[in-house]
């Protein structure tokens, strides 16, 4: 019952359940599988976000065996990102498949850069979306008029604390 969504990226090893992190235990899913036991953890939505948006951050481990979100780290290569631009997000609440399209990829040093999860108003959110999509390391689409932005984050190894963040938007929004 903890699984609220599932993410699948065709042509990659990404095929994982998604759970919602709880503010009382925000790091629980880093170390627990969907049965509440040890393992590789479970990709989870940041406790300050939700699937309802407008900005949803999903964290998942980059396992050495290539599982969980490891393939998201490969998106820092523009050609790889273009070849795997579609993401399928299956949501339990509405029992739907939502097609997402990768818009940009940013490699950040988590020691200095964090992902913003709360916004004062729609203007601040729009500015944030614009910055995410336009100032990333790899930009596939520049359109910034987005109703909902998703960020899939995993460890990458450019520095000891690097994270690759793959920004995606609903495919129906079109290319920009």
N, C-alpha and C. Protein backbone atom coordinates (compact mmCIF):
# COMPACT_ATOMS: atom_id res chain seq x y z
N UNK A 1 0.81 -1.22 0.00
CA UNK A 1 0.00 0.00 0.00
C UNK A 1 0.85 1.29 0.00
N UNK A 2 2.13 1.20 0.36
CA UNK A 2 2.97 2.40 0.38
C UNK A 2 3.32 2.89 -1.02
N UNK A 3 3.22 2.00 -2.01
CA UNK A 3 3.56 2.37 -3.38
C UNK A 3 2.46 3.27 -3.93
N UNK A 4 2.86 4.51 -4.33
CA UNK A 4 1.88 5.44 -4.88
C UNK A 4 2.08 5.64 -6.38
N UNK A 5 3.23 5.19 -6.88
CA UNK A 5 3.50 5.33 -8.31
C UNK A 5 4.59 4.34 -8.70
N UNK A 6 4.84 4.26 -9.99
CA UNK A 6 5.88 3.41 -10.54
C UNK A 6 6.53 4.19 -11.69
N UNK A 7 7.84 4.14 -11.77
CA UNK A 7 8.54 4.82 -12.85
C UNK A 7 9.25 3.79 -13.71
N UNK A 8 9.14 3.97 -15.02
CA UNK A 8 9.78 3.08 -15.98
C UNK A 8 10.35 3.95 -17.10
N UNK A 9 11.60 3.67 -17.45
CA UNK A 9 12.23 4.39 -18.56
C UNK A 9 12.62 3.34 -19.60
N UNK A 10 11.92 3.30 -20.74
CA UNK A 10 12.22 2.30 -21.77
C UNK A 10 13.68 2.38 -22.22
N UNK A 11 14.28 1.20 -22.38
CA UNK A 11 15.66 1.11 -22.84
C UNK A 11 16.69 1.26 -21.73
N UNK A 12 16.23 1.35 -20.48
CA UNK A 12 17.14 1.46 -19.34
C UNK A 12 16.75 0.39 -18.31
N UNK A 13 17.50 0.35 -17.21
CA UNK A 13 17.18 -0.55 -16.10
C UNK A 13 16.21 0.08 -15.11
N UNK A 14 15.73 1.28 -15.37
CA UNK A 14 14.85 1.98 -14.44
C UNK A 14 13.44 1.44 -14.59
N UNK A 15 12.99 0.76 -13.55
CA UNK A 15 11.67 0.14 -13.50
C UNK A 15 11.38 -0.08 -12.02
N UNK A 16 10.93 0.98 -11.34
CA UNK A 16 10.92 0.99 -9.87
C UNK A 16 9.63 1.54 -9.28
N UNK A 17 9.26 1.03 -8.10
CA UNK A 17 8.14 1.62 -7.37
C UNK A 17 8.57 2.96 -6.78
N UNK A 18 7.59 3.80 -6.48
CA UNK A 18 7.83 5.08 -5.83
C UNK A 18 6.91 5.18 -4.63
N UNK A 19 7.48 5.62 -3.52
CA UNK A 19 6.72 5.85 -2.29
C UNK A 19 6.81 7.32 -1.92
N UNK A 20 5.97 7.74 -0.98
CA UNK A 20 5.99 9.13 -0.50
C UNK A 20 6.74 9.17 0.83
N UNK A 21 7.77 10.01 0.93
CA UNK A 21 8.48 10.17 2.20
C UNK A 21 7.58 10.90 3.19
N UNK A 22 7.73 10.55 4.44
CA UNK A 22 6.95 11.13 5.53
C UNK A 22 7.82 12.17 6.24
N UNK A 23 7.30 13.38 6.50
CA UNK A 23 8.10 14.39 7.19
C UNK A 23 8.64 13.92 8.54
N UNK A 24 7.95 13.01 9.20
CA UNK A 24 8.43 12.51 10.49
C UNK A 24 9.63 11.58 10.33
N UNK A 25 9.74 10.92 9.17
CA UNK A 25 10.85 10.00 8.88
C UNK A 25 11.31 10.21 7.44
N UNK A 26 11.88 11.38 7.13
CA UNK A 26 12.17 11.70 5.73
C UNK A 26 13.18 10.79 5.05
N UNK A 27 14.04 10.12 5.79
CA UNK A 27 15.08 9.26 5.19
C UNK A 27 14.78 7.78 5.27
N UNK A 28 13.61 7.42 5.75
CA UNK A 28 13.27 5.99 5.92
C UNK A 28 13.49 5.19 4.66
N UNK A 29 13.06 5.70 3.52
CA UNK A 29 13.09 4.93 2.28
C UNK A 29 14.47 4.85 1.64
N UNK A 30 15.43 5.58 2.18
CA UNK A 30 16.81 5.43 1.69
C UNK A 30 17.35 4.05 2.03
N UNK A 31 16.83 3.46 3.09
CA UNK A 31 17.37 2.19 3.58
C UNK A 31 16.36 1.07 3.66
N UNK A 32 15.11 1.34 3.32
CA UNK A 32 14.07 0.32 3.42
C UNK A 32 13.42 0.08 2.07
N UNK A 33 13.14 -1.19 1.79
CA UNK A 33 12.40 -1.51 0.58
C UNK A 33 10.91 -1.30 0.85
N UNK A 34 10.07 -1.59 -0.12
CA UNK A 34 8.64 -1.33 0.04
C UNK A 34 7.99 -2.20 1.12
N UNK A 35 8.71 -3.21 1.58
CA UNK A 35 8.20 -4.05 2.66
C UNK A 35 8.71 -3.57 4.01
N UNK A 36 9.45 -2.44 4.03
CA UNK A 36 9.97 -1.89 5.26
C UNK A 36 11.22 -2.57 5.76
N UNK A 37 11.87 -3.33 4.88
CA UNK A 37 13.07 -4.05 5.26
C UNK A 37 14.28 -3.42 4.58
N UNK A 38 15.45 -3.95 4.84
CA UNK A 38 16.68 -3.44 4.24
C UNK A 38 16.73 -3.71 2.76
N UNK A 39 17.82 -3.32 2.16
CA UNK A 39 17.97 -3.53 0.74
C UNK A 39 18.49 -2.28 0.08
N UNK A 40 18.06 -2.06 -1.11
CA UNK A 40 18.53 -0.93 -1.90
C UNK A 40 17.73 0.34 -1.64
N UNK A 41 16.84 0.29 -0.71
CA UNK A 41 15.97 1.43 -0.49
C UNK A 41 14.88 1.45 -1.56
N UNK A 42 14.06 2.47 -1.52
CA UNK A 42 12.96 2.61 -2.47
C UNK A 42 12.93 4.05 -2.96
N UNK A 43 12.86 4.27 -4.26
CA UNK A 43 12.72 5.64 -4.74
C UNK A 43 11.54 6.31 -4.05
N UNK A 44 11.78 7.54 -3.59
CA UNK A 44 10.73 8.22 -2.83
C UNK A 44 10.61 9.68 -3.23
N UNK A 45 9.40 10.18 -3.08
CA UNK A 45 9.11 11.58 -3.31
C UNK A 45 9.51 12.34 -2.06
N UNK A 46 10.21 13.44 -2.23
CA UNK A 46 10.62 14.29 -1.12
C UNK A 46 9.43 14.57 -0.21
N UNK A 47 9.67 14.57 1.10
CA UNK A 47 8.56 14.75 2.04
C UNK A 47 7.89 16.11 1.93
N UNK A 48 8.53 17.08 1.28
CA UNK A 48 7.93 18.39 1.08
C UNK A 48 7.26 18.53 -0.28
N UNK A 49 7.15 17.44 -1.03
CA UNK A 49 6.53 17.43 -2.36
C UNK A 49 5.42 16.39 -2.39
N UNK A 50 4.72 16.37 -3.52
CA UNK A 50 3.71 15.33 -3.74
C UNK A 50 3.57 15.10 -5.24
N UNK A 51 2.86 14.05 -5.60
CA UNK A 51 2.59 13.79 -7.01
C UNK A 51 1.66 14.84 -7.62
N UNK A 52 0.90 15.51 -6.78
CA UNK A 52 -0.05 16.50 -7.28
C UNK A 52 0.64 17.77 -7.73
N UNK A 53 1.91 17.92 -7.39
CA UNK A 53 2.71 19.01 -7.92
C UNK A 53 2.50 20.33 -7.25
N UNK A 54 3.06 21.33 -7.84
CA UNK A 54 3.53 21.49 -9.21
C UNK A 54 4.99 21.06 -9.45
N UNK A 55 5.69 20.70 -8.36
CA UNK A 55 7.09 20.31 -8.49
C UNK A 55 7.29 19.06 -7.65
N UNK A 56 7.67 17.97 -8.29
CA UNK A 56 7.82 16.69 -7.60
C UNK A 56 9.26 16.20 -7.73
N UNK A 57 9.91 16.03 -6.60
CA UNK A 57 11.28 15.51 -6.58
C UNK A 57 11.24 14.06 -6.12
N UNK A 58 11.86 13.18 -6.92
CA UNK A 58 11.94 11.76 -6.59
C UNK A 58 13.41 11.39 -6.45
N UNK A 59 13.77 10.85 -5.29
CA UNK A 59 15.15 10.42 -5.02
C UNK A 59 15.25 8.91 -5.13
N UNK A 60 16.34 8.43 -5.70
CA UNK A 60 16.59 6.99 -5.76
C UNK A 60 18.08 6.73 -5.79
N UNK A 61 18.48 5.61 -5.22
CA UNK A 61 19.90 5.25 -5.16
C UNK A 61 20.48 4.93 -6.54
N UNK A 62 21.75 5.15 -6.66
CA UNK A 62 22.55 4.75 -7.83
C UNK A 62 23.36 3.54 -7.38
N UNK A 63 22.86 2.37 -7.67
CA UNK A 63 23.52 1.14 -7.20
C UNK A 63 24.61 0.72 -8.18
N UNK A 64 25.70 0.19 -7.63
CA UNK A 64 26.83 -0.25 -8.45
C UNK A 64 26.45 -1.33 -9.45
N UNK A 65 25.41 -2.10 -9.15
CA UNK A 65 25.00 -3.17 -10.07
C UNK A 65 24.10 -2.64 -11.20
N UNK A 66 23.91 -1.32 -11.26
CA UNK A 66 23.12 -0.72 -12.32
C UNK A 66 21.63 -0.66 -12.03
N UNK A 67 21.23 -1.01 -10.83
CA UNK A 67 19.80 -1.02 -10.51
C UNK A 67 19.34 0.30 -9.90
N UNK A 68 18.08 0.33 -9.55
CA UNK A 68 17.36 1.46 -8.99
C UNK A 68 17.48 2.64 -9.97
N UNK A 69 18.09 3.77 -9.58
CA UNK A 69 18.16 4.95 -10.45
C UNK A 69 19.54 5.13 -11.08
N UNK A 70 20.37 4.11 -11.10
CA UNK A 70 21.74 4.25 -11.63
C UNK A 70 21.76 4.83 -13.04
N UNK A 71 20.84 4.41 -13.89
CA UNK A 71 20.85 4.88 -15.28
C UNK A 71 20.53 6.37 -15.40
N UNK A 72 19.88 6.98 -14.41
CA UNK A 72 19.66 8.42 -14.48
C UNK A 72 20.98 9.19 -14.48
N UNK A 73 22.03 8.64 -13.87
CA UNK A 73 23.34 9.31 -13.88
C UNK A 73 23.91 9.41 -15.29
N UNK A 74 23.53 8.50 -16.18
CA UNK A 74 24.02 8.51 -17.56
C UNK A 74 23.41 9.65 -18.38
N UNK A 75 22.36 10.27 -17.87
CA UNK A 75 21.70 11.36 -18.59
C UNK A 75 22.57 12.60 -18.72
N UNK A 76 23.69 12.67 -18.01
CA UNK A 76 24.58 13.82 -18.17
C UNK A 76 25.24 13.80 -19.55
N UNK A 77 25.16 12.68 -20.26
CA UNK A 77 25.59 12.58 -21.65
C UNK A 77 24.38 12.93 -22.52
N UNK A 78 24.47 14.02 -23.28
CA UNK A 78 23.34 14.53 -24.06
C UNK A 78 22.78 13.50 -25.03
N UNK A 79 23.65 12.73 -25.68
CA UNK A 79 23.17 11.72 -26.63
C UNK A 79 22.36 10.65 -25.91
N UNK A 80 22.84 10.20 -24.75
CA UNK A 80 22.11 9.21 -23.96
C UNK A 80 20.75 9.78 -23.56
N UNK A 81 20.75 11.03 -23.12
CA UNK A 81 19.50 11.67 -22.69
C UNK A 81 18.49 11.73 -23.84
N UNK A 82 18.95 12.10 -25.03
CA UNK A 82 18.04 12.18 -26.19
C UNK A 82 17.48 10.80 -26.53
N UNK A 83 18.31 9.76 -26.42
CA UNK A 83 17.87 8.39 -26.75
C UNK A 83 16.87 7.85 -25.74
N UNK A 84 16.84 8.41 -24.53
CA UNK A 84 15.97 7.91 -23.45
C UNK A 84 15.13 9.05 -22.88
N UNK A 85 14.56 9.85 -23.76
CA UNK A 85 13.87 11.06 -23.35
C UNK A 85 12.48 10.81 -22.75
N UNK A 86 11.88 9.67 -23.03
CA UNK A 86 10.54 9.39 -22.51
C UNK A 86 10.62 8.63 -21.19
N UNK A 87 9.80 9.06 -20.24
CA UNK A 87 9.68 8.42 -18.94
C UNK A 87 8.20 8.11 -18.74
N UNK A 88 7.90 6.89 -18.32
CA UNK A 88 6.52 6.53 -18.00
C UNK A 88 6.35 6.56 -16.48
N UNK A 89 5.35 7.29 -16.04
CA UNK A 89 5.03 7.36 -14.62
C UNK A 89 3.61 6.83 -14.46
N UNK A 90 3.49 5.72 -13.75
CA UNK A 90 2.20 5.10 -13.50
C UNK A 90 1.77 5.51 -12.09
N UNK A 91 0.60 6.13 -11.97
CA UNK A 91 0.14 6.60 -10.68
C UNK A 91 -1.05 5.78 -10.19
N UNK A 92 -0.97 5.40 -8.93
CA UNK A 92 -1.99 4.55 -8.34
C UNK A 92 -3.30 5.30 -8.12
N UNK A 93 -3.23 6.56 -7.70
CA UNK A 93 -4.45 7.31 -7.35
C UNK A 93 -5.43 7.40 -8.51
N UNK A 94 -4.91 7.62 -9.72
CA UNK A 94 -5.82 7.73 -10.87
C UNK A 94 -5.68 6.55 -11.84
N UNK A 95 -4.82 5.60 -11.47
CA UNK A 95 -4.62 4.39 -12.28
C UNK A 95 -4.31 4.74 -13.73
N UNK A 96 -3.40 5.70 -13.92
CA UNK A 96 -3.06 6.19 -15.26
C UNK A 96 -1.56 6.07 -15.53
N UNK A 97 -1.24 6.02 -16.80
CA UNK A 97 0.16 6.14 -17.24
C UNK A 97 0.33 7.57 -17.73
N UNK A 98 1.31 8.25 -17.17
CA UNK A 98 1.61 9.63 -17.56
C UNK A 98 2.95 9.61 -18.30
N UNK A 99 2.94 10.10 -19.53
CA UNK A 99 4.18 10.18 -20.29
C UNK A 99 4.88 11.49 -19.96
N UNK A 100 6.13 11.35 -19.54
CA UNK A 100 6.95 12.52 -19.26
C UNK A 100 8.04 12.59 -20.31
N UNK A 101 8.52 13.79 -20.55
CA UNK A 101 9.59 14.01 -21.52
C UNK A 101 10.72 14.75 -20.82
N UNK A 102 11.92 14.21 -20.90
CA UNK A 102 13.07 14.83 -20.26
C UNK A 102 13.34 16.17 -20.94
N UNK A 103 13.46 17.22 -20.14
CA UNK A 103 13.70 18.56 -20.65
C UNK A 103 15.13 19.02 -20.42
N UNK A 104 15.70 18.68 -19.27
CA UNK A 104 17.07 19.08 -18.98
C UNK A 104 17.66 18.20 -17.89
N UNK A 105 18.98 18.27 -17.79
CA UNK A 105 19.72 17.47 -16.82
C UNK A 105 20.75 18.37 -16.19
N UNK A 106 20.84 18.32 -14.87
CA UNK A 106 21.81 19.13 -14.16
C UNK A 106 22.60 18.23 -13.22
N UNK A 107 23.91 18.40 -13.21
CA UNK A 107 24.76 17.70 -12.25
C UNK A 107 25.13 18.74 -11.19
N UNK A 108 24.74 18.45 -9.97
CA UNK A 108 24.96 19.40 -8.88
C UNK A 108 25.85 18.79 -7.81
N UNK A 109 26.53 19.65 -7.08
CA UNK A 109 27.28 19.22 -5.91
C UNK A 109 26.34 19.43 -4.73
N UNK A 110 25.87 18.35 -4.15
CA UNK A 110 24.87 18.42 -3.08
C UNK A 110 25.41 19.09 -1.82
N UNK A 111 26.71 19.28 -1.73
CA UNK A 111 27.26 20.00 -0.58
C UNK A 111 26.94 21.49 -0.66
N UNK A 112 26.71 22.00 -1.88
CA UNK A 112 26.50 23.43 -2.07
C UNK A 112 25.17 23.78 -2.70
N UNK A 113 24.59 22.86 -3.46
CA UNK A 113 23.36 23.14 -4.17
C UNK A 113 22.27 22.19 -3.68
N UNK A 114 21.12 22.72 -3.39
CA UNK A 114 19.99 21.90 -2.97
C UNK A 114 18.80 22.18 -3.88
N UNK A 115 17.88 21.25 -3.91
CA UNK A 115 16.67 21.43 -4.70
C UNK A 115 15.63 22.14 -3.85
N UNK A 116 15.06 23.17 -4.38
CA UNK A 116 14.04 23.93 -3.68
C UNK A 116 12.71 23.17 -3.78
N UNK A 117 12.01 23.07 -2.66
CA UNK A 117 10.75 22.31 -2.65
C UNK A 117 9.53 23.16 -2.35
N UNK A 118 9.73 24.37 -1.82
CA UNK A 118 8.59 25.21 -1.48
C UNK A 118 8.73 26.57 -2.16
N UNK A 119 7.57 27.14 -2.55
CA UNK A 119 7.55 28.39 -3.29
C UNK A 119 6.51 29.33 -2.70
N UNK A 120 6.82 30.60 -2.65
CA UNK A 120 5.90 31.61 -2.10
C UNK A 120 4.64 31.74 -2.94
N UNK A 121 4.82 31.70 -4.26
CA UNK A 121 3.67 31.89 -5.15
C UNK A 121 4.00 31.30 -6.52
N UNK A 122 3.06 31.40 -7.44
CA UNK A 122 3.25 30.85 -8.78
C UNK A 122 4.39 31.53 -9.53
N UNK A 123 4.62 32.81 -9.26
CA UNK A 123 5.72 33.53 -9.90
C UNK A 123 7.07 32.98 -9.49
N UNK A 124 7.24 32.69 -8.20
CA UNK A 124 8.50 32.12 -7.74
C UNK A 124 8.70 30.72 -8.31
N UNK A 125 7.62 29.94 -8.39
CA UNK A 125 7.70 28.62 -9.01
C UNK A 125 8.09 28.74 -10.47
N UNK A 126 7.46 29.65 -11.20
CA UNK A 126 7.77 29.84 -12.62
C UNK A 126 9.23 30.23 -12.82
N UNK A 127 9.76 31.10 -11.96
CA UNK A 127 11.17 31.48 -12.03
C UNK A 127 12.07 30.28 -11.78
N UNK A 128 11.68 29.46 -10.82
CA UNK A 128 12.47 28.27 -10.49
C UNK A 128 12.47 27.28 -11.66
N UNK A 129 11.30 27.03 -12.22
CA UNK A 129 11.20 26.13 -13.37
C UNK A 129 12.05 26.65 -14.52
N UNK A 130 11.95 27.93 -14.78
CA UNK A 130 12.73 28.53 -15.86
C UNK A 130 14.23 28.33 -15.63
N UNK A 131 14.68 28.54 -14.42
CA UNK A 131 16.10 28.35 -14.11
C UNK A 131 16.51 26.89 -14.25
N UNK A 132 15.68 25.98 -13.75
CA UNK A 132 15.99 24.54 -13.85
C UNK A 132 16.15 24.11 -15.30
N UNK A 133 15.23 24.56 -16.14
CA UNK A 133 15.24 24.11 -17.53
C UNK A 133 16.27 24.83 -18.39
N UNK A 134 16.59 26.06 -18.06
CA UNK A 134 17.48 26.85 -18.92
C UNK A 134 18.94 26.81 -18.49
N UNK A 135 19.20 26.62 -17.21
CA UNK A 135 20.57 26.72 -16.71
C UNK A 135 21.19 25.37 -16.39
N UNK A 136 20.59 24.31 -16.83
CA UNK A 136 21.12 22.97 -16.57
C UNK A 136 22.32 22.68 -17.45
N UNK A 137 23.05 21.63 -17.11
CA UNK A 137 24.22 21.22 -17.88
C UNK A 137 23.85 20.73 -19.28
N UNK A 138 22.73 20.02 -19.38
CA UNK A 138 22.24 19.52 -20.66
C UNK A 138 20.80 20.03 -20.80
N UNK A 139 20.52 20.75 -21.86
CA UNK A 139 19.17 21.28 -22.09
C UNK A 139 18.65 20.68 -23.39
N UNK A 140 17.57 19.91 -23.28
CA UNK A 140 16.95 19.29 -24.46
C UNK A 140 15.77 20.11 -24.95
N UNK A 141 15.08 20.77 -24.02
CA UNK A 141 13.92 21.59 -24.36
C UNK A 141 13.95 22.84 -23.50
N UNK A 142 13.71 23.97 -24.11
CA UNK A 142 13.79 25.24 -23.39
C UNK A 142 12.45 25.78 -22.90
N UNK A 143 11.37 25.14 -23.27
CA UNK A 143 10.05 25.62 -22.85
C UNK A 143 9.97 25.70 -21.33
N UNK A 144 9.55 26.84 -20.82
CA UNK A 144 9.48 27.01 -19.38
C UNK A 144 8.05 27.17 -18.86
N UNK A 145 7.07 27.19 -19.77
CA UNK A 145 5.68 27.26 -19.36
C UNK A 145 5.21 25.84 -19.06
N UNK A 146 5.41 25.42 -17.83
CA UNK A 146 5.17 24.04 -17.44
C UNK A 146 4.24 24.03 -16.23
N UNK A 147 3.18 23.21 -16.31
CA UNK A 147 2.25 23.09 -15.19
C UNK A 147 2.80 22.23 -14.05
N UNK A 148 3.64 21.26 -14.40
CA UNK A 148 4.18 20.33 -13.41
C UNK A 148 5.57 19.91 -13.87
N UNK A 149 6.54 20.07 -13.00
CA UNK A 149 7.91 19.65 -13.30
C UNK A 149 8.30 18.54 -12.34
N UNK A 150 8.91 17.50 -12.88
CA UNK A 150 9.40 16.37 -12.10
C UNK A 150 10.92 16.42 -12.10
N UNK A 151 11.52 16.06 -10.98
CA UNK A 151 12.98 15.97 -10.87
C UNK A 151 13.32 14.59 -10.32
N UNK A 152 14.07 13.81 -11.09
CA UNK A 152 14.52 12.49 -10.65
C UNK A 152 16.00 12.64 -10.31
N UNK A 153 16.34 12.41 -9.04
CA UNK A 153 17.70 12.67 -8.57
C UNK A 153 18.37 11.39 -8.08
N UNK A 154 19.64 11.24 -8.44
CA UNK A 154 20.43 10.10 -7.98
C UNK A 154 21.88 10.53 -7.82
N UNK A 155 22.63 9.76 -7.07
CA UNK A 155 24.06 10.05 -6.91
C UNK A 155 24.78 9.85 -8.23
N UNK A 156 25.76 10.68 -8.46
CA UNK A 156 26.67 10.48 -9.58
C UNK A 156 28.05 10.79 -9.04
N UNK A 157 29.06 10.53 -9.79
CA UNK A 157 30.39 10.52 -9.18
C UNK A 157 31.36 11.51 -9.78
N UNK A 158 30.84 12.66 -10.22
CA UNK A 158 31.73 13.71 -10.71
C UNK A 158 32.57 14.28 -9.57
N UNK A 159 31.96 14.41 -8.38
CA UNK A 159 32.64 14.75 -7.14
C UNK A 159 32.15 13.77 -6.09
N UNK A 160 32.68 13.84 -4.89
CA UNK A 160 32.26 12.88 -3.86
C UNK A 160 30.80 13.05 -3.47
N UNK A 161 30.19 14.22 -3.76
CA UNK A 161 28.81 14.46 -3.36
C UNK A 161 27.95 14.95 -4.52
N UNK A 162 28.24 14.50 -5.72
CA UNK A 162 27.48 14.93 -6.90
C UNK A 162 26.16 14.18 -7.01
N UNK A 163 25.18 14.88 -7.57
CA UNK A 163 23.89 14.29 -7.88
C UNK A 163 23.53 14.69 -9.30
N UNK A 164 22.99 13.74 -10.04
CA UNK A 164 22.44 14.04 -11.35
C UNK A 164 20.94 14.21 -11.16
N UNK A 165 20.41 15.33 -11.64
CA UNK A 165 18.99 15.62 -11.54
C UNK A 165 18.44 15.68 -12.96
N UNK A 166 17.49 14.79 -13.24
CA UNK A 166 16.84 14.73 -14.55
C UNK A 166 15.47 15.40 -14.42
N UNK A 167 15.31 16.53 -15.11
CA UNK A 167 14.04 17.27 -15.07
C UNK A 167 13.17 16.80 -16.24
N UNK A 168 11.91 16.49 -15.91
CA UNK A 168 10.97 16.04 -16.94
C UNK A 168 9.63 16.73 -16.73
N UNK A 169 8.90 16.85 -17.82
CA UNK A 169 7.60 17.50 -17.80
C UNK A 169 6.61 16.62 -18.54
N UNK A 170 5.32 16.84 -18.33
CA UNK A 170 4.34 16.03 -19.07
C UNK A 170 4.58 16.16 -20.58
N UNK A 171 4.56 15.04 -21.28
CA UNK A 171 4.84 15.01 -22.71
C UNK A 171 3.85 15.85 -23.50
N UNK A 172 2.65 15.97 -23.00
CA UNK A 172 1.62 16.75 -23.71
C UNK A 172 1.98 18.23 -23.80
N UNK A 173 2.96 18.66 -23.00
CA UNK A 173 3.36 20.06 -23.02
C UNK A 173 4.10 20.40 -24.32
N UNK A 174 4.63 19.39 -24.99
CA UNK A 174 5.30 19.62 -26.26
C UNK A 174 6.74 20.04 -26.11
N UNK A 175 7.40 20.21 -27.23
CA UNK A 175 8.81 20.58 -27.24
C UNK A 175 8.94 22.10 -27.26
N UNK A 176 10.09 22.57 -26.79
CA UNK A 176 10.27 24.01 -26.76
C UNK A 176 11.56 24.44 -27.34
